[in-house]
N, C-alpha and C. Protein backbone atom coordinates (compact mmCIF):
# COMPACT_ATOMS: atom_id res chain seq x y z
N MET A 1 130.66 26.42 -3.84
CA MET A 1 131.83 26.01 -3.08
C MET A 1 132.07 26.99 -1.93
N LYS A 2 131.89 28.29 -2.18
CA LYS A 2 132.10 29.35 -1.23
C LYS A 2 131.05 29.15 -0.09
N LYS A 3 129.79 28.82 -0.49
CA LYS A 3 128.79 28.65 0.56
C LYS A 3 129.12 27.46 1.40
N LEU A 4 129.70 26.41 0.81
CA LEU A 4 130.06 25.17 1.58
C LEU A 4 131.20 25.46 2.56
N ASN A 5 132.14 26.29 2.09
CA ASN A 5 133.26 26.76 2.99
C ASN A 5 132.73 27.63 4.14
N ALA A 6 131.80 28.49 3.82
CA ALA A 6 131.27 29.48 4.87
C ALA A 6 130.58 28.62 5.88
N LEU A 7 129.91 27.57 5.39
CA LEU A 7 129.09 26.69 6.31
C LEU A 7 129.97 25.98 7.27
N LEU A 8 131.07 25.40 6.67
CA LEU A 8 132.02 24.67 7.50
C LEU A 8 132.74 25.50 8.60
N ILE A 9 133.10 26.83 8.16
CA ILE A 9 133.68 27.71 8.99
C ILE A 9 132.65 28.10 10.13
N ALA A 10 131.36 28.30 9.76
CA ALA A 10 130.51 28.55 10.81
C ALA A 10 130.18 27.35 11.85
N LEU A 11 130.29 26.13 11.36
CA LEU A 11 130.24 24.96 12.27
C LEU A 11 131.34 24.92 13.15
N LEU A 12 132.51 25.17 12.58
CA LEU A 12 133.81 25.05 13.36
C LEU A 12 133.68 26.17 14.50
N LEU A 13 133.29 27.37 14.12
CA LEU A 13 133.13 28.42 15.08
C LEU A 13 132.10 28.11 16.22
N LEU A 14 130.97 27.41 15.79
CA LEU A 14 130.02 27.12 16.73
C LEU A 14 130.57 26.05 17.75
N VAL A 15 131.31 24.95 17.26
CA VAL A 15 131.85 24.04 18.11
C VAL A 15 132.91 24.69 19.05
N SER A 16 133.74 25.54 18.51
CA SER A 16 134.74 26.29 19.31
C SER A 16 134.13 27.01 20.47
N VAL A 17 133.06 27.83 20.06
CA VAL A 17 132.43 28.63 21.12
C VAL A 17 131.74 27.78 22.15
N SER A 18 131.17 26.72 21.76
CA SER A 18 130.52 25.81 22.69
C SER A 18 131.52 25.16 23.62
N TYR A 19 132.61 24.83 23.10
CA TYR A 19 133.76 24.36 23.91
C TYR A 19 134.30 25.25 25.04
N ILE A 20 134.42 26.51 24.52
CA ILE A 20 134.83 27.67 25.31
C ILE A 20 133.96 27.92 26.45
N GLN A 21 132.61 27.90 26.10
CA GLN A 21 131.50 28.09 27.13
C GLN A 21 131.53 26.99 28.15
N ALA A 22 131.80 25.76 27.62
CA ALA A 22 131.85 24.65 28.62
C ALA A 22 133.04 24.73 29.52
N GLN A 23 134.14 25.23 29.15
CA GLN A 23 135.23 25.36 30.01
C GLN A 23 135.24 26.67 30.60
N ASP A 24 134.28 27.04 31.37
CA ASP A 24 134.13 28.45 31.81
C ASP A 24 134.44 28.50 33.44
N PHE A 25 135.16 27.57 33.90
CA PHE A 25 135.46 27.69 35.29
C PHE A 25 136.87 26.86 35.55
N SER A 26 137.49 27.32 36.65
CA SER A 26 138.82 26.68 37.13
C SER A 26 138.85 26.50 38.46
N PHE A 27 139.89 25.78 39.02
CA PHE A 27 139.93 25.51 40.44
C PHE A 27 141.14 26.15 41.02
N SER A 28 141.02 26.65 42.28
CA SER A 28 142.02 27.29 43.05
C SER A 28 142.07 26.68 44.44
N PRO A 29 143.16 26.24 45.00
CA PRO A 29 144.60 26.38 44.30
C PRO A 29 144.92 25.36 43.24
N SER A 30 144.03 24.28 43.16
CA SER A 30 144.29 23.28 42.20
C SER A 30 143.12 22.36 42.14
N GLU A 31 143.05 21.50 41.20
CA GLU A 31 142.01 20.48 41.13
C GLU A 31 142.44 19.20 41.91
N TYR A 32 143.64 19.28 42.39
CA TYR A 32 144.22 18.14 43.14
C TYR A 32 144.74 18.50 44.41
N ILE A 33 143.96 18.24 45.54
CA ILE A 33 144.37 18.75 46.89
C ILE A 33 145.09 17.58 47.57
N ILE A 34 146.37 17.84 47.94
CA ILE A 34 147.08 16.75 48.69
C ILE A 34 147.44 17.46 50.06
N ASP A 35 147.00 16.86 51.15
CA ASP A 35 147.27 17.47 52.40
C ASP A 35 147.29 16.41 53.50
N ASN A 36 147.51 16.91 54.69
CA ASN A 36 147.48 15.87 55.79
C ASN A 36 146.72 16.56 57.07
N VAL A 37 146.44 15.69 58.01
CA VAL A 37 145.76 16.12 59.22
C VAL A 37 146.31 15.32 60.34
N GLU A 38 146.37 15.93 61.50
CA GLU A 38 146.72 15.21 62.57
C GLU A 38 145.50 14.44 63.29
N LEU A 39 145.92 13.28 63.93
CA LEU A 39 144.93 12.56 64.63
C LEU A 39 144.10 13.40 65.78
N GLU A 40 142.90 13.12 65.77
CA GLU A 40 142.01 13.91 66.79
C GLU A 40 141.94 15.34 66.43
N GLN A 41 142.12 15.78 65.36
CA GLN A 41 142.13 17.31 64.98
C GLN A 41 141.06 17.47 63.81
N TYR A 42 140.47 18.52 63.86
CA TYR A 42 139.54 18.92 62.75
C TYR A 42 140.35 19.83 61.77
N LYS A 43 140.17 19.65 60.45
CA LYS A 43 140.80 20.49 59.57
C LYS A 43 140.03 20.75 58.30
N ASN A 44 140.00 21.78 57.70
CA ASN A 44 139.27 22.13 56.48
C ASN A 44 140.16 21.92 55.25
N PHE A 45 139.53 21.49 54.10
CA PHE A 45 140.16 21.18 52.90
C PHE A 45 139.26 21.92 51.86
N GLN A 46 139.61 22.83 51.24
CA GLN A 46 138.72 23.51 50.31
C GLN A 46 139.28 23.80 48.94
N VAL A 47 138.46 23.68 47.93
CA VAL A 47 138.65 24.11 46.53
C VAL A 47 137.81 25.27 46.19
N ASP A 48 138.36 26.38 45.71
CA ASP A 48 137.44 27.39 45.12
C ASP A 48 137.27 27.17 43.66
N ILE A 49 136.08 27.61 43.20
CA ILE A 49 135.73 27.52 41.80
C ILE A 49 135.71 28.90 41.14
N GLU A 50 136.61 29.31 40.35
CA GLU A 50 136.59 30.62 39.66
C GLU A 50 135.84 30.51 38.34
N HIS A 51 135.14 31.55 38.02
CA HIS A 51 134.39 31.59 36.80
C HIS A 51 134.24 33.10 36.44
N PRO A 52 135.36 33.75 36.04
CA PRO A 52 135.34 35.20 35.90
C PRO A 52 134.49 35.79 34.63
N GLN A 53 134.27 34.75 33.67
CA GLN A 53 133.68 35.13 32.37
C GLN A 53 132.17 34.75 32.22
N VAL A 54 131.55 34.27 33.40
CA VAL A 54 130.17 33.70 33.25
C VAL A 54 129.40 34.36 34.32
N ASP A 55 128.15 34.86 33.93
CA ASP A 55 127.23 35.22 34.87
C ASP A 55 126.17 34.17 35.21
N ASP A 56 125.82 34.16 36.49
CA ASP A 56 124.77 33.28 37.03
C ASP A 56 125.09 31.74 36.69
N LEU A 57 126.29 31.37 36.99
CA LEU A 57 126.70 30.00 36.65
C LEU A 57 126.05 28.99 37.78
N THR A 58 125.41 27.99 37.16
CA THR A 58 125.03 26.82 38.03
C THR A 58 125.95 25.61 37.82
N LEU A 59 126.54 25.15 38.92
CA LEU A 59 127.48 24.05 38.85
C LEU A 59 126.84 22.88 39.71
N VAL A 60 127.18 21.63 39.13
CA VAL A 60 126.73 20.31 39.68
C VAL A 60 128.02 19.57 40.02
N TRP A 61 128.06 18.92 41.25
CA TRP A 61 129.24 18.08 41.39
C TRP A 61 128.60 16.61 41.86
N VAL A 62 129.33 15.54 41.40
CA VAL A 62 128.83 14.35 41.63
C VAL A 62 130.00 13.44 42.28
N LEU A 63 129.66 12.72 43.35
CA LEU A 63 130.67 11.92 44.01
C LEU A 63 131.00 10.72 43.14
N VAL A 64 132.19 10.60 42.79
CA VAL A 64 132.82 9.53 41.81
C VAL A 64 133.49 8.44 42.73
N GLU A 65 134.19 8.86 43.66
CA GLU A 65 134.89 7.95 44.60
C GLU A 65 135.01 8.54 45.85
N ASN A 66 134.87 7.65 46.93
CA ASN A 66 135.06 8.05 48.34
C ASN A 66 135.62 6.82 49.03
N ASN A 67 136.99 6.81 49.36
CA ASN A 67 137.61 5.83 50.11
C ASN A 67 138.25 6.35 51.45
N PHE A 68 137.62 7.35 52.04
CA PHE A 68 137.94 7.88 53.30
C PHE A 68 137.86 6.65 54.25
N LEU A 69 138.75 6.61 55.26
CA LEU A 69 138.74 5.44 56.20
C LEU A 69 137.47 5.38 57.15
N GLN A 70 137.23 4.18 57.57
CA GLN A 70 135.95 3.94 58.12
C GLN A 70 135.74 4.82 59.43
N LYS A 71 136.80 5.03 60.30
CA LYS A 71 136.58 5.79 61.44
C LYS A 71 136.61 7.34 61.33
N TRP A 72 137.06 7.78 60.04
CA TRP A 72 137.05 9.22 59.88
C TRP A 72 135.67 9.88 59.96
N GLU A 73 135.59 11.08 60.60
CA GLU A 73 134.33 11.69 60.73
C GLU A 73 134.55 12.97 59.91
N TYR A 74 133.64 13.15 59.00
CA TYR A 74 133.83 14.48 57.98
C TYR A 74 132.32 14.95 57.58
N THR A 75 132.45 16.23 57.31
CA THR A 75 131.23 16.83 56.81
C THR A 75 131.65 17.55 55.50
N SER A 76 130.79 18.08 54.69
CA SER A 76 131.08 18.80 53.41
C SER A 76 130.11 19.98 53.28
N CYS A 77 130.66 20.96 52.66
CA CYS A 77 129.86 22.18 52.35
C CYS A 77 130.10 22.79 51.08
N ASP A 78 129.19 23.47 50.38
CA ASP A 78 129.45 24.18 49.17
C ASP A 78 128.55 25.42 49.36
N ASN A 79 128.45 26.17 48.26
CA ASN A 79 127.76 27.35 48.29
C ASN A 79 126.12 27.27 48.54
N GLY A 80 125.86 26.01 48.26
CA GLY A 80 124.37 25.64 48.48
C GLY A 80 123.92 25.19 49.87
N GLY A 81 124.93 24.76 50.68
CA GLY A 81 124.66 24.36 52.11
C GLY A 81 125.79 23.34 52.57
N CYS A 82 125.38 22.75 53.64
CA CYS A 82 126.29 21.87 54.26
C CYS A 82 125.62 20.43 54.44
N TYR A 83 126.43 19.40 54.48
CA TYR A 83 125.82 18.13 54.52
C TYR A 83 126.71 17.29 55.47
N SER A 84 125.97 16.26 55.98
CA SER A 84 126.79 15.29 56.85
C SER A 84 127.39 14.22 55.96
N ALA A 85 128.67 14.01 56.19
CA ALA A 85 129.33 13.09 55.25
C ALA A 85 129.47 13.71 53.82
N LEU A 86 129.35 12.93 52.83
CA LEU A 86 129.47 13.33 51.48
C LEU A 86 128.27 12.82 50.73
N PRO A 87 127.31 13.63 50.29
CA PRO A 87 126.19 13.07 49.46
C PRO A 87 126.52 12.64 48.10
N ASP A 88 125.68 12.10 47.32
CA ASP A 88 126.07 11.56 46.04
C ASP A 88 126.18 12.72 45.02
N THR A 89 125.49 13.69 45.28
CA THR A 89 125.54 14.91 44.36
C THR A 89 125.10 16.23 45.11
N GLY A 90 125.64 17.33 44.53
CA GLY A 90 125.24 18.61 45.15
C GLY A 90 125.13 19.55 43.93
N VAL A 91 124.30 20.80 44.20
CA VAL A 91 124.14 21.69 43.23
C VAL A 91 124.50 23.09 43.79
N ILE A 92 125.34 23.85 43.07
CA ILE A 92 125.67 25.19 43.48
C ILE A 92 124.95 26.13 42.41
N SER A 93 123.81 26.79 42.89
CA SER A 93 123.02 27.40 41.85
C SER A 93 123.35 29.01 41.73
N ALA A 94 123.20 29.45 40.50
CA ALA A 94 123.13 30.78 40.14
C ALA A 94 124.24 31.68 40.77
N LEU A 95 125.52 31.40 40.47
CA LEU A 95 126.56 32.16 41.04
C LEU A 95 126.88 33.28 40.19
N PRO A 96 126.91 34.51 40.65
CA PRO A 96 127.27 35.72 39.77
C PRO A 96 128.82 35.59 39.69
N ASP A 97 129.25 36.36 38.62
CA ASP A 97 130.64 36.25 38.38
C ASP A 97 131.64 36.93 39.40
N THR A 98 130.96 37.58 40.43
CA THR A 98 131.85 38.19 41.41
C THR A 98 132.00 37.28 42.54
N ILE A 99 131.25 36.14 42.72
CA ILE A 99 131.30 35.17 43.73
C ILE A 99 131.85 33.88 43.32
N PRO A 100 132.96 33.40 43.91
CA PRO A 100 133.43 32.01 43.47
C PRO A 100 132.68 30.94 44.14
N GLY A 101 132.47 29.90 43.45
CA GLY A 101 132.06 28.66 44.14
C GLY A 101 133.13 28.06 45.04
N TYR A 102 132.58 27.04 45.87
CA TYR A 102 133.54 26.35 46.69
C TYR A 102 133.01 24.99 46.95
N ILE A 103 133.94 24.11 47.34
CA ILE A 103 133.59 22.72 48.01
C ILE A 103 134.61 22.56 49.06
N ARG A 104 134.03 22.36 50.30
CA ARG A 104 134.92 22.17 51.43
C ARG A 104 134.58 20.88 52.13
N ILE A 105 135.68 20.17 52.56
CA ILE A 105 135.53 19.00 53.48
C ILE A 105 136.15 19.34 54.83
N THR A 106 135.35 19.06 55.91
CA THR A 106 135.95 19.25 57.23
C THR A 106 136.06 17.83 57.85
N LEU A 107 137.31 17.45 58.11
CA LEU A 107 137.66 16.16 58.51
C LEU A 107 138.45 16.05 59.85
N ASN A 108 137.95 14.97 60.66
CA ASN A 108 138.65 14.60 61.81
C ASN A 108 138.92 12.99 61.67
N PRO A 109 140.08 12.57 61.61
CA PRO A 109 140.46 11.25 61.45
C PRO A 109 140.21 10.35 62.71
N ARG A 110 139.85 11.05 63.83
CA ARG A 110 139.90 10.34 65.08
C ARG A 110 141.26 9.61 65.33
N ASP A 111 141.30 8.39 65.61
CA ASP A 111 142.56 7.70 65.99
C ASP A 111 143.06 6.80 64.91
N GLN A 112 142.56 7.01 63.59
CA GLN A 112 142.93 6.05 62.47
C GLN A 112 143.82 6.78 61.52
N THR A 113 145.04 6.24 61.45
CA THR A 113 146.00 6.85 60.41
C THR A 113 145.75 6.16 59.14
N GLY A 114 146.24 6.89 58.11
CA GLY A 114 146.21 6.27 56.70
C GLY A 114 145.90 7.46 55.77
N THR A 115 145.65 7.12 54.52
CA THR A 115 145.44 7.94 53.43
C THR A 115 143.95 7.52 52.77
N GLY A 116 143.21 8.64 52.53
CA GLY A 116 141.96 8.41 51.91
C GLY A 116 141.72 9.37 50.86
N THR A 117 140.98 9.10 49.85
CA THR A 117 140.87 9.86 48.65
C THR A 117 139.35 10.17 48.28
N VAL A 118 138.95 11.30 47.92
CA VAL A 118 137.56 11.61 47.42
C VAL A 118 137.76 12.16 46.09
N VAL A 119 136.96 11.76 45.20
CA VAL A 119 137.04 12.32 43.74
C VAL A 119 135.68 12.77 43.39
N LEU A 120 135.59 14.02 42.94
CA LEU A 120 134.31 14.61 42.54
C LEU A 120 134.41 14.99 41.08
N TYR A 121 133.22 14.93 40.41
CA TYR A 121 133.10 15.49 39.01
C TYR A 121 132.25 16.61 39.05
N VAL A 122 132.88 17.72 38.55
CA VAL A 122 132.20 19.15 38.67
C VAL A 122 131.94 19.62 37.25
N TYR A 123 130.72 20.04 37.00
CA TYR A 123 130.41 20.56 35.72
C TYR A 123 129.39 21.61 35.64
N ASN A 124 129.42 22.50 34.64
CA ASN A 124 128.39 23.44 34.32
C ASN A 124 127.12 22.72 34.00
N HIS A 125 125.93 22.90 34.60
CA HIS A 125 124.79 22.11 34.35
C HIS A 125 124.31 22.10 32.90
N LYS A 126 124.82 23.09 32.06
CA LYS A 126 124.53 23.18 30.58
C LYS A 126 125.32 22.14 29.87
N TYR A 127 126.48 21.83 30.35
CA TYR A 127 127.47 21.02 29.65
C TYR A 127 127.92 19.77 30.46
N PRO A 128 127.08 18.85 30.85
CA PRO A 128 127.42 17.79 31.69
C PRO A 128 128.58 16.80 31.10
N ASP A 129 128.89 16.81 29.91
CA ASP A 129 129.93 16.12 29.40
C ASP A 129 131.25 16.77 29.36
N GLU A 130 131.30 18.06 29.79
CA GLU A 130 132.45 18.91 29.66
C GLU A 130 133.00 19.17 31.02
N GLY A 131 132.83 18.32 32.07
CA GLY A 131 133.25 18.77 33.42
C GLY A 131 134.68 18.39 33.70
N GLN A 132 135.02 18.55 35.02
CA GLN A 132 136.43 18.33 35.31
C GLN A 132 136.44 17.65 36.72
N TYR A 133 137.45 16.92 37.01
CA TYR A 133 137.58 16.18 38.24
C TYR A 133 138.38 16.95 39.36
N VAL A 134 137.86 16.77 40.54
CA VAL A 134 138.49 17.37 41.71
C VAL A 134 138.83 16.29 42.67
N THR A 135 140.07 16.22 43.17
CA THR A 135 140.48 15.17 44.08
C THR A 135 140.97 15.68 45.34
N PHE A 136 140.54 15.11 46.47
CA PHE A 136 141.09 15.37 47.71
C PHE A 136 141.88 14.18 48.29
N GLU A 137 143.14 14.24 48.34
CA GLU A 137 143.90 13.16 48.91
C GLU A 137 144.50 13.56 50.22
N ILE A 138 143.97 12.93 51.40
CA ILE A 138 144.23 13.34 52.65
C ILE A 138 144.99 12.29 53.45
N THR A 139 146.03 12.57 54.19
CA THR A 139 146.70 11.73 55.02
C THR A 139 146.56 11.95 56.49
N ALA A 140 146.15 11.08 57.22
CA ALA A 140 146.06 11.35 58.78
C ALA A 140 147.26 10.61 59.34
N MET A 141 147.94 11.49 60.32
CA MET A 141 149.17 11.00 60.89
C MET A 141 149.17 11.35 62.36
N ALA A 142 149.91 10.46 63.06
CA ALA A 142 150.08 10.63 64.43
C ALA A 142 150.89 11.92 64.77
N VAL A 143 150.55 12.54 65.98
CA VAL A 143 151.21 13.89 66.27
C VAL A 143 152.64 13.48 66.76
N THR A 144 153.56 14.24 66.33
CA THR A 144 154.96 13.94 66.74
C THR A 144 155.23 15.05 67.88
N ALA A 145 156.35 14.90 68.44
CA ALA A 145 156.72 15.76 69.62
C ALA A 145 156.75 17.26 69.01
N VAL A 146 157.38 17.40 67.86
CA VAL A 146 157.54 18.73 67.37
C VAL A 146 156.15 19.31 67.02
N THR A 147 155.19 18.38 66.58
CA THR A 147 153.89 19.07 66.29
C THR A 147 153.16 19.49 67.66
N GLU A 148 153.44 18.78 68.67
CA GLU A 148 152.81 19.11 69.95
C GLU A 148 153.25 20.44 70.42
N VAL A 149 154.60 20.58 70.27
CA VAL A 149 155.05 22.03 70.74
C VAL A 149 154.43 22.95 69.77
N SER A 150 154.39 22.78 68.56
CA SER A 150 153.73 23.78 67.65
C SER A 150 152.36 24.13 68.03
N SER A 151 151.56 22.95 68.36
CA SER A 151 150.19 23.22 68.61
C SER A 151 149.98 24.03 69.97
N GLU A 152 150.97 24.09 70.78
CA GLU A 152 150.93 24.82 72.00
C GLU A 152 150.82 26.41 71.74
N ARG A 153 151.27 26.74 70.56
CA ARG A 153 151.12 28.07 70.20
C ARG A 153 149.73 28.73 70.06
N PHE A 154 148.77 27.71 69.95
CA PHE A 154 147.43 28.06 69.75
C PHE A 154 146.59 27.23 70.76
N ARG A 155 145.79 27.82 71.61
CA ARG A 155 144.96 27.09 72.68
C ARG A 155 143.75 27.88 72.98
N VAL A 156 142.60 27.14 72.93
CA VAL A 156 141.35 27.70 73.32
C VAL A 156 140.85 26.93 74.62
N PHE A 157 140.44 27.67 75.51
CA PHE A 157 140.04 27.18 76.82
C PHE A 157 139.05 28.22 77.51
N PRO A 158 138.19 27.58 78.47
CA PRO A 158 137.91 26.21 78.79
C PRO A 158 137.19 25.43 77.64
N ASN A 159 137.22 24.22 77.72
CA ASN A 159 136.56 23.49 76.85
C ASN A 159 136.10 22.07 77.42
N PRO A 160 134.83 22.02 77.62
CA PRO A 160 133.60 22.72 77.13
C PRO A 160 133.60 24.13 77.77
N ALA A 161 132.83 24.99 77.17
CA ALA A 161 132.73 26.38 77.62
C ALA A 161 131.24 26.72 77.66
N SER A 162 130.84 27.74 78.54
CA SER A 162 129.48 28.21 78.61
C SER A 162 129.36 29.76 78.52
N ASP A 163 130.14 30.36 79.24
CA ASP A 163 130.11 31.85 79.26
C ASP A 163 131.12 32.56 78.47
N PHE A 164 132.33 32.01 78.43
CA PHE A 164 133.37 32.68 77.72
C PHE A 164 134.36 31.59 77.24
N ILE A 165 135.24 32.04 76.28
CA ILE A 165 136.47 31.25 75.90
C ILE A 165 137.64 32.26 75.85
N GLN A 166 138.84 31.65 76.20
CA GLN A 166 140.02 32.53 76.03
C GLN A 166 140.92 31.78 74.95
N VAL A 167 141.41 32.66 74.03
CA VAL A 167 142.20 32.18 73.06
C VAL A 167 143.63 32.73 73.24
N HIS A 168 144.57 31.66 73.27
CA HIS A 168 146.01 32.06 73.62
C HIS A 168 146.85 31.88 72.34
N ASN A 169 147.56 33.03 71.95
CA ASN A 169 148.46 32.96 70.76
C ASN A 169 149.80 33.16 71.21
N ALA A 170 150.59 32.12 71.42
CA ALA A 170 152.00 32.21 71.89
C ALA A 170 152.87 32.43 70.75
N ASP A 171 152.42 32.63 69.54
CA ASP A 171 153.40 32.70 68.42
C ASP A 171 154.00 34.05 68.38
N THR A 172 155.10 34.23 67.65
CA THR A 172 155.66 35.51 67.53
C THR A 172 155.11 36.41 66.41
N GLU A 173 153.98 36.01 65.83
CA GLU A 173 153.37 36.82 64.76
C GLU A 173 151.91 36.84 65.07
N GLY A 174 151.22 37.89 64.44
CA GLY A 174 149.68 37.86 64.71
C GLY A 174 148.99 36.82 63.88
N ALA A 175 147.78 36.55 64.16
CA ALA A 175 146.96 35.53 63.52
C ALA A 175 145.50 35.85 63.53
N THR A 176 144.76 35.24 62.67
CA THR A 176 143.37 35.35 62.67
C THR A 176 142.69 34.19 63.24
N PHE A 177 141.66 34.56 64.12
CA PHE A 177 140.84 33.57 64.90
C PHE A 177 139.44 33.61 64.40
N GLN A 178 138.99 32.26 64.22
CA GLN A 178 137.50 32.17 63.75
C GLN A 178 136.93 31.10 64.62
N LEU A 179 135.74 31.33 65.08
CA LEU A 179 134.82 30.15 65.69
C LEU A 179 133.66 30.01 64.72
N PHE A 180 133.37 28.92 64.15
CA PHE A 180 132.26 28.51 63.30
C PHE A 180 131.61 27.17 63.62
N ASP A 181 130.38 27.00 63.29
CA ASP A 181 129.64 25.97 63.59
C ASP A 181 129.74 24.80 62.51
N LEU A 182 128.89 23.80 62.74
CA LEU A 182 129.02 22.64 61.71
C LEU A 182 128.58 23.09 60.44
N SER A 183 127.84 24.07 60.22
CA SER A 183 127.31 24.55 58.86
C SER A 183 128.20 25.44 58.29
N GLY A 184 129.28 25.94 59.00
CA GLY A 184 130.21 26.79 58.44
C GLY A 184 129.91 28.30 58.82
N LYS A 185 128.86 28.57 59.54
CA LYS A 185 128.51 29.86 59.99
C LYS A 185 129.50 30.41 61.01
N ILE A 186 130.13 31.60 60.73
CA ILE A 186 131.01 32.04 61.69
C ILE A 186 130.41 32.85 62.75
N ALA A 187 130.76 32.49 64.02
CA ALA A 187 130.18 33.18 65.22
C ALA A 187 131.08 34.31 65.78
N ILE A 188 132.36 33.97 65.53
CA ILE A 188 133.48 35.06 66.12
C ILE A 188 134.52 35.08 64.99
N GLU A 189 135.01 36.23 64.70
CA GLU A 189 136.20 36.42 63.82
C GLU A 189 136.97 37.57 64.35
N GLU A 190 138.24 37.41 64.75
CA GLU A 190 139.02 38.48 65.39
C GLU A 190 140.47 38.28 65.02
N LYS A 191 141.16 39.44 64.89
CA LYS A 191 142.71 39.41 64.90
C LYS A 191 143.30 39.10 66.19
N LEU A 192 144.30 38.34 66.33
CA LEU A 192 145.11 38.11 67.56
C LEU A 192 146.50 38.74 67.34
N GLY A 193 146.87 39.43 68.34
CA GLY A 193 148.31 39.96 68.36
C GLY A 193 149.21 38.78 68.81
N ALA A 194 150.54 39.01 68.42
CA ALA A 194 151.51 38.07 68.90
C ALA A 194 151.71 38.02 70.34
N GLY A 195 151.74 36.75 70.91
CA GLY A 195 151.90 36.59 72.30
C GLY A 195 150.87 37.17 73.21
N THR A 196 149.66 37.02 72.83
CA THR A 196 148.48 37.58 73.42
C THR A 196 147.53 36.52 73.83
N THR A 197 146.67 36.69 74.90
CA THR A 197 145.48 35.96 75.23
C THR A 197 144.37 36.87 75.22
N LYS A 198 143.26 36.45 74.46
CA LYS A 198 142.05 37.26 74.39
C LYS A 198 140.89 36.45 74.79
N ARG A 199 140.01 37.19 75.39
CA ARG A 199 138.77 36.52 75.90
C ARG A 199 137.48 36.91 75.12
N PHE A 200 136.69 35.92 74.74
CA PHE A 200 135.46 36.19 74.03
C PHE A 200 134.26 35.76 74.83
N ASN A 201 133.24 36.46 74.85
CA ASN A 201 131.97 36.20 75.43
C ASN A 201 131.13 35.20 74.46
N VAL A 202 130.85 33.95 75.05
CA VAL A 202 130.02 33.04 74.10
C VAL A 202 128.68 32.77 74.79
N ALA A 203 128.23 33.54 75.77
CA ALA A 203 127.05 33.28 76.58
C ALA A 203 125.83 33.17 75.60
N ASP A 204 125.86 34.06 74.51
CA ASP A 204 124.70 34.19 73.63
C ASP A 204 124.90 33.22 72.33
N VAL A 205 126.01 32.50 72.24
CA VAL A 205 126.24 31.64 71.17
C VAL A 205 125.47 30.35 71.45
N PRO A 206 124.61 29.88 70.55
CA PRO A 206 123.90 28.65 70.62
C PRO A 206 124.73 27.51 71.06
N SER A 207 124.19 26.65 71.88
CA SER A 207 124.94 25.44 72.41
C SER A 207 125.20 24.46 71.12
N GLY A 208 126.29 23.81 71.11
CA GLY A 208 126.69 22.81 70.12
C GLY A 208 128.09 22.69 69.91
N ILE A 209 128.47 21.99 68.78
CA ILE A 209 129.91 21.72 68.49
C ILE A 209 130.33 22.84 67.61
N TYR A 210 131.50 23.43 67.87
CA TYR A 210 132.04 24.46 66.98
C TYR A 210 133.54 23.97 66.73
N PHE A 211 134.11 24.78 65.75
CA PHE A 211 135.59 24.72 65.38
C PHE A 211 136.09 25.96 65.61
N ALA A 212 137.25 25.89 66.18
CA ALA A 212 138.09 27.07 66.41
C ALA A 212 139.32 27.13 65.35
N ASN A 213 139.37 28.02 64.44
CA ASN A 213 140.49 28.10 63.49
C ASN A 213 141.45 29.13 63.82
N TYR A 214 142.73 28.81 63.80
CA TYR A 214 143.79 29.72 64.03
C TYR A 214 144.71 29.86 62.73
N GLN A 215 144.78 30.92 62.17
CA GLN A 215 145.55 30.99 60.84
C GLN A 215 146.59 32.07 60.86
N ASN A 216 147.90 31.62 60.50
CA ASN A 216 148.95 32.68 60.26
C ASN A 216 149.71 32.22 59.06
N SER A 217 150.86 32.73 59.00
CA SER A 217 151.72 32.44 57.70
C SER A 217 152.08 30.97 57.63
N ASP A 218 152.04 30.21 58.78
CA ASP A 218 152.47 28.81 58.80
C ASP A 218 151.36 27.79 58.29
N GLY A 219 150.05 28.47 58.28
CA GLY A 219 149.02 27.66 57.95
C GLY A 219 147.81 27.78 58.94
N ILE A 220 146.99 26.73 58.91
CA ILE A 220 145.73 26.82 59.76
C ILE A 220 145.78 25.59 60.68
N LYS A 221 145.40 25.92 61.97
CA LYS A 221 145.19 24.85 62.91
C LYS A 221 143.67 24.90 63.39
N THR A 222 143.07 23.82 63.58
CA THR A 222 141.67 23.72 64.01
C THR A 222 141.46 22.94 65.31
N GLN A 223 140.74 23.42 66.22
CA GLN A 223 140.40 22.75 67.50
C GLN A 223 138.90 22.66 67.60
N LYS A 224 138.43 21.54 68.02
CA LYS A 224 137.03 21.33 68.30
C LYS A 224 136.65 21.86 69.62
N ILE A 225 135.56 22.65 69.65
CA ILE A 225 135.10 23.38 70.89
C ILE A 225 133.71 23.05 71.10
N ILE A 226 133.27 22.66 72.32
CA ILE A 226 131.94 22.37 72.83
C ILE A 226 131.37 23.56 73.60
N ILE A 227 130.26 24.15 73.11
CA ILE A 227 129.65 25.32 73.94
C ILE A 227 128.42 24.72 74.49
N GLN A 228 128.19 24.76 75.83
CA GLN A 228 127.08 24.25 76.49
C GLN A 228 126.01 25.29 76.84
């Protein structure tokens, strides 16, 4: 009888440990992202994947649902790379416990208002049945007069550019400016003082489509930039 009890306890412990190992990551800020974007504006939506107790974690994500609107233009990125639109699946390999995973969608709704949803199933490749769902629910809305005034706080010009760009921060607080390409590679990252205009040399930046990010305590604004 003692041997049977010991065996049952061992089995329960094994199941418990397996469950704990399977639930070895969490999402930040949440597994459900609800946000909005203005028409004709690019904006990033990102979920970070924390896994503090696991070394060399390999994650797999699978596209479960995608009802983004027809005219919307979007790309996606994770630690493994960037993709046009959203592929059916992606793999984030061998993440050490010091580096969080992430899944990011960059979206421009063009001129189509409405709400679209993407649902992904994310799991540790060792435990495909113990994954969790991540949802992006994005609403595209027309720009109001108030938003137009707000957007004037941040301006990048000329656009298109070839030799230089100037970044204007008309806000009453400092901000962080980033210029990155379609793959997410950052070409410029600088702090901007309140009420300043700063000039950046882009003559050596490869030609293509870029996104200019402006971030302060109110959030993030993104502007599409073409460098010729």
